[in-house]
């Protein structure tokens, strides 16, 4: 499977992160790995993409981070959605669904015209 990179990935980063952590609190590297795993390797989020997005979401009040300390290994900051973040995640999923259906329809129509 071809990896998705560039603007199309950057333009959907917030939607992916919010939707992913909606189910459970996660830390940055875990978010990157889970997006990669769930996408079958098509979406690869480098730390340089994930952490600025997390800071942006936290500053905007959509997520909150809490440090967790472990006996083994480094402390990690786990992020979870705020009530506002839950509303935004739902809205972004709805927008994505509409957008992807419209794009698929355009592509389908293009294919049906033999181009």
PDB file of N, CA and C in Angstrom:
ATOM      1  N   UNK A   1       0.845  -1.179   0.000  1.00  0.00           N
ATOM      2  CA  UNK A   1       0.000   0.000   0.000  1.00  0.00           C
ATOM      3  C   UNK A   1       0.893   1.246   0.000  1.00  0.00           C
ATOM      4  N   UNK A   2       0.527   2.196  -0.813  1.00  0.00           N
ATOM      5  CA  UNK A   2       1.284   3.439  -0.915  1.00  0.00           C
ATOM      6  C   UNK A   2       1.055   4.307   0.321  1.00  0.00           C
ATOM      7  N   UNK A   3       2.128   4.935   0.793  1.00  0.00           N
ATOM      8  CA  UNK A   3       2.011   5.821   1.951  1.00  0.00           C
ATOM      9  C   UNK A   3       1.428   7.157   1.535  1.00  0.00           C
ATOM     10  N   UNK A   4       0.542   7.675   2.383  1.00  0.00           N
ATOM     11  CA  UNK A   4      -0.078   8.973   2.157  1.00  0.00           C
ATOM     12  C   UNK A   4       0.766  10.005   2.887  1.00  0.00           C
ATOM     13  N   UNK A   5       1.206  11.022   2.159  1.00  0.00           N
ATOM     14  CA  UNK A   5       2.053  12.054   2.756  1.00  0.00           C
ATOM     15  C   UNK A   5       1.606  13.423   2.277  1.00  0.00           C
ATOM     16  N   UNK A   6       2.245  14.439   2.801  1.00  0.00           N
ATOM     17  CA  UNK A   6       2.033  15.795   2.322  1.00  0.00           C
ATOM     18  C   UNK A   6       0.775  16.443   2.863  1.00  0.00           C
ATOM     19  N   UNK A   7       0.252  17.369   2.072  1.00  0.00           N
ATOM     20  CA  UNK A   7      -0.859  18.206   2.502  1.00  0.00           C
ATOM     21  C   UNK A   7      -2.120  17.425   2.844  1.00  0.00           C
ATOM     22  N   UNK A   8      -2.398  16.355   2.108  1.00  0.00           N
ATOM     23  CA  UNK A   8      -3.619  15.592   2.385  1.00  0.00           C
ATOM     24  C   UNK A   8      -3.552  14.981   3.789  1.00  0.00           C
ATOM     25  N   UNK A   9      -2.381  14.573   4.215  1.00  0.00           N
ATOM     26  CA  UNK A   9      -2.219  14.027   5.557  1.00  0.00           C
ATOM     27  C   UNK A   9      -2.296  15.139   6.586  1.00  0.00           C
ATOM     28  N   UNK A  10      -1.576  16.219   6.350  1.00  0.00           N
ATOM     29  CA  UNK A  10      -1.581  17.343   7.280  1.00  0.00           C
ATOM     30  C   UNK A  10      -2.977  17.925   7.445  1.00  0.00           C
ATOM     31  N   UNK A  11      -3.734  17.976   6.362  1.00  0.00           N
ATOM     32  CA  UNK A  11      -5.070  18.542   6.414  1.00  0.00           C
ATOM     33  C   UNK A  11      -6.068  17.708   7.192  1.00  0.00           C
ATOM     34  N   UNK A  12      -5.724  16.484   7.508  1.00  0.00           N
ATOM     35  CA  UNK A  12      -6.633  15.592   8.236  1.00  0.00           C
ATOM     36  C   UNK A  12      -6.080  15.133   9.578  1.00  0.00           C
ATOM     37  N   UNK A  13      -4.969  15.697   9.978  1.00  0.00           N
ATOM     38  CA  UNK A  13      -4.313  15.307  11.224  1.00  0.00           C
ATOM     39  C   UNK A  13      -5.217  15.474  12.433  1.00  0.00           C
ATOM     40  N   UNK A  14      -5.858  16.625  12.554  1.00  0.00           N
ATOM     41  CA  UNK A  14      -6.682  16.892  13.731  1.00  0.00           C
ATOM     42  C   UNK A  14      -7.858  15.922  13.816  1.00  0.00           C
ATOM     43  N   UNK A  15      -8.490  15.654  12.693  1.00  0.00           N
ATOM     44  CA  UNK A  15      -9.610  14.715  12.667  1.00  0.00           C
ATOM     45  C   UNK A  15      -9.164  13.334  13.119  1.00  0.00           C
ATOM     46  N   UNK A  16      -8.043  12.884  12.608  1.00  0.00           N
ATOM     47  CA  UNK A  16      -7.544  11.551  12.962  1.00  0.00           C
ATOM     48  C   UNK A  16      -7.181  11.459  14.441  1.00  0.00           C
ATOM     49  N   UNK A  17      -6.484  12.461  14.947  1.00  0.00           N
ATOM     50  CA  UNK A  17      -6.064  12.426  16.357  1.00  0.00           C
ATOM     51  C   UNK A  17      -7.275  12.493  17.280  1.00  0.00           C
ATOM     52  N   UNK A  18      -8.182  13.423  17.025  1.00  0.00           N
ATOM     53  CA  UNK A  18      -9.362  13.536  17.887  1.00  0.00           C
ATOM     54  C   UNK A  18     -10.183  12.252  17.877  1.00  0.00           C
ATOM     55  N   UNK A  19     -10.386  11.684  16.711  1.00  0.00           N
ATOM     56  CA  UNK A  19     -11.173  10.454  16.621  1.00  0.00           C
ATOM     57  C   UNK A  19     -10.488   9.292  17.329  1.00  0.00           C
ATOM     58  N   UNK A  20      -9.180   9.241  17.218  1.00  0.00           N
ATOM     59  CA  UNK A  20      -8.434   8.145  17.830  1.00  0.00           C
ATOM     60  C   UNK A  20      -8.480   8.195  19.350  1.00  0.00           C
ATOM     61  N   UNK A  21      -8.270   9.376  19.922  1.00  0.00           N
ATOM     62  CA  UNK A  21      -8.223   9.448  21.388  1.00  0.00           C
ATOM     63  C   UNK A  21      -9.606   9.599  22.009  1.00  0.00           C
ATOM     64  N   UNK A  22     -10.623   9.615  21.163  1.00  0.00           N
ATOM     65  CA  UNK A  22     -11.982   9.678  21.695  1.00  0.00           C
ATOM     66  C   UNK A  22     -12.289   8.441  22.533  1.00  0.00           C
ATOM     67  N   UNK A  23     -11.757   7.313  22.125  1.00  0.00           N
ATOM     68  CA  UNK A  23     -12.033   6.061  22.828  1.00  0.00           C
ATOM     69  C   UNK A  23     -11.220   5.865  24.095  1.00  0.00           C
ATOM     70  N   UNK A  24     -10.006   6.405  24.115  1.00  0.00           N
ATOM     71  CA  UNK A  24      -9.145   6.226  25.295  1.00  0.00           C
ATOM     72  C   UNK A  24      -8.008   7.236  25.255  1.00  0.00           C
ATOM     73  N   UNK A  25      -7.505   7.573  26.417  1.00  0.00           N
ATOM     74  CA  UNK A  25      -6.359   8.471  26.514  1.00  0.00           C
ATOM     75  C   UNK A  25      -5.130   7.773  25.946  1.00  0.00           C
ATOM     76  N   UNK A  26      -4.313   8.534  25.215  1.00  0.00           N
ATOM     77  CA  UNK A  26      -3.110   7.982  24.597  1.00  0.00           C
ATOM     78  C   UNK A  26      -1.994   9.021  24.667  1.00  0.00           C
ATOM     79  N   UNK A  27      -0.753   8.563  24.581  1.00  0.00           N
ATOM     80  CA  UNK A  27       0.380   9.476  24.510  1.00  0.00           C
ATOM     81  C   UNK A  27       0.837   9.594  23.057  1.00  0.00           C
ATOM     82  N   UNK A  28       1.663  10.600  22.780  1.00  0.00           N
ATOM     83  CA  UNK A  28       2.018  10.956  21.415  1.00  0.00           C
ATOM     84  C   UNK A  28       2.528   9.826  20.542  1.00  0.00           C
ATOM     85  N   UNK A  29       3.550   9.127  20.986  1.00  0.00           N
ATOM     86  CA  UNK A  29       4.112   8.047  20.173  1.00  0.00           C
ATOM     87  C   UNK A  29       3.093   6.924  19.973  1.00  0.00           C
ATOM     88  N   UNK A  30       2.296   6.671  20.980  1.00  0.00           N
ATOM     89  CA  UNK A  30       1.245   5.655  20.878  1.00  0.00           C
ATOM     90  C   UNK A  30       0.223   6.048  19.802  1.00  0.00           C
ATOM     91  N   UNK A  31      -0.105   7.339  19.742  1.00  0.00           N
ATOM     92  CA  UNK A  31      -1.028   7.839  18.719  1.00  0.00           C
ATOM     93  C   UNK A  31      -0.444   7.586  17.334  1.00  0.00           C
ATOM     94  N   UNK A  32       0.827   7.929  17.156  1.00  0.00           N
ATOM     95  CA  UNK A  32       1.486   7.710  15.863  1.00  0.00           C
ATOM     96  C   UNK A  32       1.440   6.247  15.455  1.00  0.00           C
ATOM     97  N   UNK A  33       1.800   5.379  16.370  1.00  0.00           N
ATOM     98  CA  UNK A  33       1.831   3.945  16.076  1.00  0.00           C
ATOM     99  C   UNK A  33       0.441   3.398  15.773  1.00  0.00           C
ATOM    100  N   UNK A  34      -0.554   3.872  16.502  1.00  0.00           N
ATOM    101  CA  UNK A  34      -1.913   3.360  16.305  1.00  0.00           C
ATOM    102  C   UNK A  34      -2.490   3.812  14.964  1.00  0.00           C
ATOM    103  N   UNK A  35      -2.215   5.048  14.572  1.00  0.00           N
ATOM    104  CA  UNK A  35      -2.665   5.515  13.258  1.00  0.00           C
ATOM    105  C   UNK A  35      -1.997   4.685  12.168  1.00  0.00           C
ATOM    106  N   UNK A  36      -0.714   4.432  12.306  1.00  0.00           N
ATOM    107  CA  UNK A  36       0.012   3.608  11.347  1.00  0.00           C
ATOM    108  C   UNK A  36      -0.578   2.201  11.284  1.00  0.00           C
ATOM    109  N   UNK A  37      -0.831   1.615  12.446  1.00  0.00           N
ATOM    110  CA  UNK A  37      -1.371   0.255  12.509  1.00  0.00           C
ATOM    111  C   UNK A  37      -2.763   0.177  11.878  1.00  0.00           C
ATOM    112  N   UNK A  38      -3.644   1.078  12.278  1.00  0.00           N
ATOM    113  CA  UNK A  38      -5.028   1.027  11.791  1.00  0.00           C
ATOM    114  C   UNK A  38      -5.130   1.322  10.297  1.00  0.00           C
ATOM    115  N   UNK A  39      -4.181   2.087   9.773  1.00  0.00           N
ATOM    116  CA  UNK A  39      -4.218   2.422   8.340  1.00  0.00           C
ATOM    117  C   UNK A  39      -3.464   1.406   7.498  1.00  0.00           C
ATOM    118  N   UNK A  40      -2.976   0.342   8.114  1.00  0.00           N
ATOM    119  CA  UNK A  40      -2.216  -0.652   7.374  1.00  0.00           C
ATOM    120  C   UNK A  40      -0.912  -0.101   6.833  1.00  0.00           C
ATOM    121  N   UNK A  41      -0.381   0.912   7.499  1.00  0.00           N
ATOM    122  CA  UNK A  41       0.886   1.517   7.100  1.00  0.00           C
ATOM    123  C   UNK A  41       0.760   2.635   6.077  1.00  0.00           C
ATOM    124  N   UNK A  42      -0.447   2.924   5.636  1.00  0.00           N
ATOM    125  CA  UNK A  42      -0.629   3.984   4.631  1.00  0.00           C
ATOM    126  C   UNK A  42      -0.420   5.374   5.227  1.00  0.00           C
ATOM    127  N   UNK A  43      -0.767   5.529   6.499  1.00  0.00           N
ATOM    128  CA  UNK A  43      -0.608   6.817   7.168  1.00  0.00           C
ATOM    129  C   UNK A  43       0.516   6.710   8.182  1.00  0.00           C
ATOM    130  N   UNK A  44       1.573   7.469   7.944  1.00  0.00           N
ATOM    131  CA  UNK A  44       2.708   7.448   8.865  1.00  0.00           C
ATOM    132  C   UNK A  44       2.871   8.847   9.449  1.00  0.00           C
ATOM    133  N   UNK A  45       2.633   8.950  10.735  1.00  0.00           N
ATOM    134  CA  UNK A  45       2.728  10.228  11.427  1.00  0.00           C
ATOM    135  C   UNK A  45       4.056  10.312  12.171  1.00  0.00           C
ATOM    136  N   UNK A  46       4.898  11.197  11.707  1.00  0.00           N
ATOM    137  CA  UNK A  46       6.158  11.436  12.405  1.00  0.00           C
ATOM    138  C   UNK A  46       5.888  12.285  13.644  1.00  0.00           C
ATOM    139  N   UNK A  47       6.825  12.251  14.592  1.00  0.00           N
ATOM    140  CA  UNK A  47       6.679  13.062  15.801  1.00  0.00           C
ATOM    141  C   UNK A  47       6.527  14.538  15.452  1.00  0.00           C
ATOM    142  N   UNK A  48       7.187  14.976  14.391  1.00  0.00           N
ATOM    143  CA  UNK A  48       7.118  16.368  13.970  1.00  0.00           C
ATOM    144  C   UNK A  48       5.749  16.791  13.495  1.00  0.00           C
ATOM    145  N   UNK A  49       4.878  15.843  13.257  1.00  0.00           N
ATOM    146  CA  UNK A  49       3.505  16.142  12.867  1.00  0.00           C
ATOM    147  C   UNK A  49       2.559  15.975  14.061  1.00  0.00           C
ATOM    148  N   UNK A  50       2.778  14.954  14.859  1.00  0.00           N
ATOM    149  CA  UNK A  50       1.864  14.640  15.959  1.00  0.00           C
ATOM    150  C   UNK A  50       1.963  15.647  17.102  1.00  0.00           C
ATOM    151  N   UNK A  51       3.175  15.926  17.575  1.00  0.00           N
ATOM    152  CA  UNK A  51       3.305  16.764  18.765  1.00  0.00           C
ATOM    153  C   UNK A  51       2.852  18.204  18.553  1.00  0.00           C
ATOM    154  N   UNK A  52       3.160  18.840  17.440  1.00  0.00           N
ATOM    155  CA  UNK A  52       2.594  20.186  17.227  1.00  0.00           C
ATOM    156  C   UNK A  52       1.057  20.166  17.176  1.00  0.00           C
ATOM    157  N   UNK A  53       0.490  19.114  16.584  1.00  0.00           N
ATOM    158  CA  UNK A  53      -0.973  18.997  16.537  1.00  0.00           C
ATOM    159  C   UNK A  53      -1.549  18.821  17.939  1.00  0.00           C
ATOM    160  N   UNK A  54      -0.900  18.009  18.759  1.00  0.00           N
ATOM    161  CA  UNK A  54      -1.364  17.821  20.138  1.00  0.00           C
ATOM    162  C   UNK A  54      -1.298  19.131  20.917  1.00  0.00           C
ATOM    163  N   UNK A  55      -0.225  19.871  20.750  1.00  0.00           N
ATOM    164  CA  UNK A  55      -0.096  21.161  21.447  1.00  0.00           C
ATOM    165  C   UNK A  55      -1.178  22.134  20.982  1.00  0.00           C
ATOM    166  N   UNK A  56      -1.450  22.150  19.687  1.00  0.00           N
ATOM    167  CA  UNK A  56      -2.491  23.005  19.125  1.00  0.00           C
ATOM    168  C   UNK A  56      -3.867  22.636  19.703  1.00  0.00           C
ATOM    169  N   UNK A  57      -4.168  21.351  19.733  1.00  0.00           N
ATOM    170  CA  UNK A  57      -5.447  20.883  20.258  1.00  0.00           C
ATOM    171  C   UNK A  57      -5.582  21.175  21.753  1.00  0.00           C
ATOM    172  N   UNK A  58      -4.485  21.034  22.477  1.00  0.00           N
ATOM    173  CA  UNK A  58      -4.509  21.303  23.915  1.00  0.00           C
ATOM    174  C   UNK A  58      -4.706  22.799  24.168  1.00  0.00           C
ATOM    175  N   UNK A  59      -3.996  23.617  23.443  1.00  0.00           N
ATOM    176  CA  UNK A  59      -4.117  25.065  23.583  1.00  0.00           C
ATOM    177  C   UNK A  59      -5.533  25.525  23.231  1.00  0.00           C
ATOM    178  N   UNK A  60      -6.150  24.856  22.275  1.00  0.00           N
ATOM    179  CA  UNK A  60      -7.511  25.185  21.860  1.00  0.00           C
ATOM    180  C   UNK A  60      -8.600  24.623  22.764  1.00  0.00           C
ATOM    181  N   UNK A  61      -8.214  23.890  23.794  1.00  0.00           N
ATOM    182  CA  UNK A  61      -9.183  23.355  24.743  1.00  0.00           C
ATOM    183  C   UNK A  61      -9.936  22.125  24.263  1.00  0.00           C
ATOM    184  N   UNK A  62      -9.430  21.470  23.209  1.00  0.00           N
ATOM    185  CA  UNK A  62     -10.103  20.283  22.692  1.00  0.00           C
ATOM    186  C   UNK A  62      -9.618  19.001  23.355  1.00  0.00           C
ATOM    187  N   UNK A  63      -8.392  19.046  23.858  1.00  0.00           N
ATOM    188  CA  UNK A  63      -7.837  17.900  24.587  1.00  0.00           C
ATOM    189  C   UNK A  63      -7.142  18.425  25.834  1.00  0.00           C
ATOM    190  N   UNK A  64      -6.925  17.523  26.766  1.00  0.00           N
ATOM    191  CA  UNK A  64      -6.110  17.870  27.927  1.00  0.00           C
ATOM    192  C   UNK A  64      -5.101  16.753  28.138  1.00  0.00           C
ATOM    193  N   UNK A  65      -3.907  17.156  28.532  1.00  0.00           N
ATOM    194  CA  UNK A  65      -2.852  16.191  28.768  1.00  0.00           C
ATOM    195  C   UNK A  65      -2.538  16.076  30.241  1.00  0.00           C
ATOM    196  N   UNK A  66      -2.284  14.863  30.670  1.00  0.00           N
ATOM    197  CA  UNK A  66      -1.911  14.602  32.063  1.00  0.00           C
ATOM    198  C   UNK A  66      -0.698  13.689  32.065  1.00  0.00           C
ATOM    199  N   UNK A  67       0.293  14.072  32.849  1.00  0.00           N
ATOM    200  CA  UNK A  67       1.505  13.276  32.956  1.00  0.00           C
ATOM    201  C   UNK A  67       1.249  12.046  33.809  1.00  0.00           C
ATOM    202  N   UNK A  68       1.761  10.930  33.351  1.00  0.00           N
ATOM    203  CA  UNK A  68       1.703   9.680  34.111  1.00  0.00           C
ATOM    204  C   UNK A  68       3.131   9.197  34.326  1.00  0.00           C
ATOM    205  N   UNK A  69       3.383   8.772  35.531  1.00  0.00           N
ATOM    206  CA  UNK A  69       4.709   8.267  35.892  1.00  0.00           C
ATOM    207  C   UNK A  69       4.646   6.748  36.025  1.00  0.00           C
ATOM    208  N   UNK A  70       5.709   6.109  35.610  1.00  0.00           N
ATOM    209  CA  UNK A  70       5.773   4.651  35.627  1.00  0.00           C
ATOM    210  C   UNK A  70       7.032   4.211  36.361  1.00  0.00           C
ATOM    211  N   UNK A  71       6.951   3.049  36.975  1.00  0.00           N
ATOM    212  CA  UNK A  71       8.137   2.496  37.643  1.00  0.00           C
ATOM    213  C   UNK A  71       9.226   2.204  36.627  1.00  0.00           C
ATOM    214  N   UNK A  72       8.832   1.693  35.485  1.00  0.00           N
ATOM    215  CA  UNK A  72       9.770   1.383  34.411  1.00  0.00           C
ATOM    216  C   UNK A  72       9.528   2.349  33.262  1.00  0.00           C
ATOM    217  N   UNK A  73      10.582   2.945  32.767  1.00  0.00           N
ATOM    218  CA  UNK A  73      10.467   3.815  31.603  1.00  0.00           C
ATOM    219  C   UNK A  73      10.168   5.257  31.958  1.00  0.00           C
ATOM    220  N   UNK A  74      10.126   6.092  30.943  1.00  0.00           N
ATOM    221  CA  UNK A  74       9.929   7.526  31.164  1.00  0.00           C
ATOM    222  C   UNK A  74       8.473   7.869  31.471  1.00  0.00           C
ATOM    223  N   UNK A  75       8.276   9.039  32.049  1.00  0.00           N
ATOM    224  CA  UNK A  75       6.911   9.513  32.239  1.00  0.00           C
ATOM    225  C   UNK A  75       6.366   9.893  30.862  1.00  0.00           C
ATOM    226  N   UNK A  76       5.058   9.822  30.740  1.00  0.00           N
ATOM    227  CA  UNK A  76       4.417  10.101  29.452  1.00  0.00           C
ATOM    228  C   UNK A  76       3.207  10.997  29.680  1.00  0.00           C
ATOM    229  N   UNK A  77       2.967  11.859  28.721  1.00  0.00           N
ATOM    230  CA  UNK A  77       1.803  12.728  28.792  1.00  0.00           C
ATOM    231  C   UNK A  77       0.687  12.092  27.971  1.00  0.00           C
ATOM    232  N   UNK A  78      -0.389  11.724  28.659  1.00  0.00           N
ATOM    233  CA  UNK A  78      -1.545  11.107  28.017  1.00  0.00           C
ATOM    234  C   UNK A  78      -2.590  12.176  27.732  1.00  0.00           C
ATOM    235  N   UNK A  79      -3.139  12.111  26.544  1.00  0.00           N
ATOM    236  CA  UNK A  79      -4.129  13.095  26.101  1.00  0.00           C
ATOM    237  C   UNK A  79      -5.503  12.462  26.022  1.00  0.00           C
ATOM    238  N   UNK A  80      -6.493  13.237  26.436  1.00  0.00           N
ATOM    239  CA  UNK A  80      -7.881  12.799  26.321  1.00  0.00           C
ATOM    240  C   UNK A  80      -8.724  13.987  25.885  1.00  0.00           C
ATOM    241  N   UNK A  81      -9.889  13.681  25.341  1.00  0.00           N
ATOM    242  CA  UNK A  81     -10.770  14.733  24.851  1.00  0.00           C
ATOM    243  C   UNK A  81     -11.462  15.448  26.000  1.00  0.00           C
ATOM    244  N   UNK A  82     -11.637  16.738  25.829  1.00  0.00           N
ATOM    245  CA  UNK A  82     -12.491  17.519  26.715  1.00  0.00           C
ATOM    246  C   UNK A  82     -13.916  17.408  26.166  1.00  0.00           C
ATOM    247  N   UNK A  83     -14.925  17.873  26.894  1.00  0.00           N
ATOM    248  CA  UNK A  83     -16.282  17.868  26.328  1.00  0.00           C
ATOM    249  C   UNK A  83     -16.348  18.626  24.995  1.00  0.00           C
ATOM    250  N   UNK A  84     -15.655  19.745  24.909  1.00  0.00           N
ATOM    251  CA  UNK A  84     -15.608  20.497  23.652  1.00  0.00           C
ATOM    252  C   UNK A  84     -14.935  19.668  22.557  1.00  0.00           C
ATOM    253  N   UNK A  85     -13.876  18.940  22.918  1.00  0.00           N
ATOM    254  CA  UNK A  85     -13.177  18.083  21.970  1.00  0.00           C
ATOM    255  C   UNK A  85     -14.060  16.963  21.449  1.00  0.00           C
ATOM    256  N   UNK A  86     -14.925  16.420  22.315  1.00  0.00           N
ATOM    257  CA  UNK A  86     -15.854  15.367  21.887  1.00  0.00           C
ATOM    258  C   UNK A  86     -16.830  15.903  20.846  1.00  0.00           C
ATOM    259  N   UNK A  87     -17.324  17.109  21.072  1.00  0.00           N
ATOM    260  CA  UNK A  87     -18.242  17.720  20.101  1.00  0.00           C
ATOM    261  C   UNK A  87     -17.524  17.972  18.778  1.00  0.00           C
ATOM    262  N   UNK A  88     -16.289  18.465  18.866  1.00  0.00           N
ATOM    263  CA  UNK A  88     -15.510  18.762  17.661  1.00  0.00           C
ATOM    264  C   UNK A  88     -15.172  17.480  16.897  1.00  0.00           C
ATOM    265  N   UNK A  89     -14.833  16.414  17.607  1.00  0.00           N
ATOM    266  CA  UNK A  89     -14.526  15.133  16.958  1.00  0.00           C
ATOM    267  C   UNK A  89     -15.737  14.640  16.182  1.00  0.00           C
ATOM    268  N   UNK A  90     -16.905  14.740  16.778  1.00  0.00           N
ATOM    269  CA  UNK A  90     -18.138  14.319  16.103  1.00  0.00           C
ATOM    270  C   UNK A  90     -18.374  15.162  14.856  1.00  0.00           C
ATOM    271  N   UNK A  91     -18.221  16.459  14.963  1.00  0.00           N
ATOM    272  CA  UNK A  91     -18.421  17.360  13.831  1.00  0.00           C
ATOM    273  C   UNK A  91     -17.430  17.070  12.706  1.00  0.00           C
ATOM    274  N   UNK A  92     -16.162  16.864  13.057  1.00  0.00           N
ATOM    275  CA  UNK A  92     -15.148  16.579  12.045  1.00  0.00           C
ATOM    276  C   UNK A  92     -15.397  15.250  11.346  1.00  0.00           C
ATOM    277  N   UNK A  93     -15.860  14.244  12.087  1.00  0.00           N
ATOM    278  CA  UNK A  93     -16.201  12.955  11.465  1.00  0.00           C
ATOM    279  C   UNK A  93     -17.354  13.120  10.476  1.00  0.00           C
ATOM    280  N   UNK A  94     -18.358  13.903  10.850  1.00  0.00           N
ATOM    281  CA  UNK A  94     -19.486  14.148   9.954  1.00  0.00           C
ATOM    282  C   UNK A  94     -19.018  14.867   8.692  1.00  0.00           C
ATOM    283  N   UNK A  95     -18.160  15.874   8.857  1.00  0.00           N
ATOM    284  CA  UNK A  95     -17.631  16.601   7.699  1.00  0.00           C
ATOM    285  C   UNK A  95     -16.809  15.670   6.812  1.00  0.00           C
ATOM    286  N   UNK A  96     -15.994  14.815   7.445  1.00  0.00           N
ATOM    287  CA  UNK A  96     -15.177  13.881   6.672  1.00  0.00           C
ATOM    288  C   UNK A  96     -16.060  12.920   5.882  1.00  0.00           C
ATOM    289  N   UNK A  97     -17.105  12.433   6.503  1.00  0.00           N
ATOM    290  CA  UNK A  97     -18.004  11.501   5.835  1.00  0.00           C
ATOM    291  C   UNK A  97     -18.630  12.149   4.603  1.00  0.00           C
ATOM    292  N   UNK A  98     -19.078  13.375   4.745  1.00  0.00           N
ATOM    293  CA  UNK A  98     -19.660  14.101   3.618  1.00  0.00           C
ATOM    294  C   UNK A  98     -18.617  14.335   2.533  1.00  0.00           C
ATOM    295  N   UNK A  99     -17.428  14.783   2.937  1.00  0.00           N
ATOM    296  CA  UNK A  99     -16.352  15.070   1.992  1.00  0.00           C
ATOM    297  C   UNK A  99     -15.933  13.809   1.239  1.00  0.00           C
ATOM    298  N   UNK A 100     -15.685  12.724   1.974  1.00  0.00           N
ATOM    299  CA  UNK A 100     -15.202  11.503   1.321  1.00  0.00           C
ATOM    300  C   UNK A 100     -16.266  10.916   0.393  1.00  0.00           C
ATOM    301  N   UNK A 101     -17.537  10.999   0.780  1.00  0.00           N
ATOM    302  CA  UNK A 101     -18.607  10.512  -0.100  1.00  0.00           C
ATOM    303  C   UNK A 101     -18.656  11.341  -1.383  1.00  0.00           C
ATOM    304  N   UNK A 102     -18.477  12.653  -1.252  1.00  0.00           N
ATOM    305  CA  UNK A 102     -18.502  13.523  -2.433  1.00  0.00           C
ATOM    306  C   UNK A 102     -17.312  13.240  -3.346  1.00  0.00           C
ATOM    307  N   UNK A 103     -16.129  13.080  -2.769  1.00  0.00           N
ATOM    308  CA  UNK A 103     -14.941  12.774  -3.576  1.00  0.00           C
ATOM    309  C   UNK A 103     -15.115  11.433  -4.267  1.00  0.00           C
ATOM    310  N   UNK A 104     -15.587  10.438  -3.547  1.00  0.00           N
ATOM    311  CA  UNK A 104     -15.803   9.120  -4.148  1.00  0.00           C
ATOM    312  C   UNK A 104     -16.816   9.194  -5.286  1.00  0.00           C
ATOM    313  N   UNK A 105     -17.835  10.013  -5.134  1.00  0.00           N
ATOM    314  CA  UNK A 105     -18.834  10.165  -6.190  1.00  0.00           C
ATOM    315  C   UNK A 105     -18.209  10.801  -7.432  1.00  0.00           C
ATOM    316  N   UNK A 106     -17.386  11.816  -7.231  1.00  0.00           N
ATOM    317  CA  UNK A 106     -16.709  12.457  -8.358  1.00  0.00           C
ATOM    318  C   UNK A 106     -15.804  11.451  -9.056  1.00  0.00           C
ATOM    319  N   UNK A 107     -15.046  10.688  -8.290  1.00  0.00           N
ATOM    320  CA  UNK A 107     -14.152   9.693  -8.881  1.00  0.00           C
ATOM    321  C   UNK A 107     -14.937   8.602  -9.594  1.00  0.00           C
ATOM    322  N   UNK A 108     -16.024   8.190  -9.008  1.00  0.00           N
ATOM    323  CA  UNK A 108     -16.884   7.166  -9.616  1.00  0.00           C
ATOM    324  C   UNK A 108     -17.440   7.685 -10.938  1.00  0.00           C
ATOM    325  N   UNK A 109     -17.936   8.916 -10.932  1.00  0.00           N
ATOM    326  CA  UNK A 109     -18.476   9.510 -12.155  1.00  0.00           C
ATOM    327  C   UNK A 109     -17.406   9.612 -13.227  1.00  0.00           C
ATOM    328  N   UNK A 110     -16.185   9.954 -12.833  1.00  0.00           N
ATOM    329  CA  UNK A 110     -15.072  10.058 -13.770  1.00  0.00           C
ATOM    330  C   UNK A 110     -14.789   8.687 -14.396  1.00  0.00           C
ATOM    331  N   UNK A 111     -14.778   7.651 -13.560  1.00  0.00           N
ATOM    332  CA  UNK A 111     -14.524   6.303 -14.051  1.00  0.00           C
ATOM    333  C   UNK A 111     -15.620   5.827 -15.003  1.00  0.00           C
ATOM    334  N   UNK A 112     -16.868   6.226 -14.709  1.00  0.00           N
ATOM    335  CA  UNK A 112     -17.981   5.772 -15.542  1.00  0.00           C
ATOM    336  C   UNK A 112     -17.988   6.440 -16.926  1.00  0.00           C
ATOM    337  N   UNK A 113     -17.251   7.554 -17.051  1.00  0.00           N
ATOM    338  CA  UNK A 113     -17.170   8.223 -18.345  1.00  0.00           C
ATOM    339  C   UNK A 113     -16.004   7.706 -19.196  1.00  0.00           C
ATOM    340  N   UNK A 114     -15.293   6.733 -18.650  1.00  0.00           N
ATOM    341  CA  UNK A 114     -14.216   6.106 -19.405  1.00  0.00           C
ATOM    342  C   UNK A 114     -12.961   6.940 -19.534  1.00  0.00           C
ATOM    343  N   UNK A 115     -12.801   7.922 -18.671  1.00  0.00           N
ATOM    344  CA  UNK A 115     -11.594   8.768 -18.708  1.00  0.00           C
ATOM    345  C   UNK A 115     -10.553   8.275 -17.773  1.00  0.00           C
TER     346      UNK A 115
END
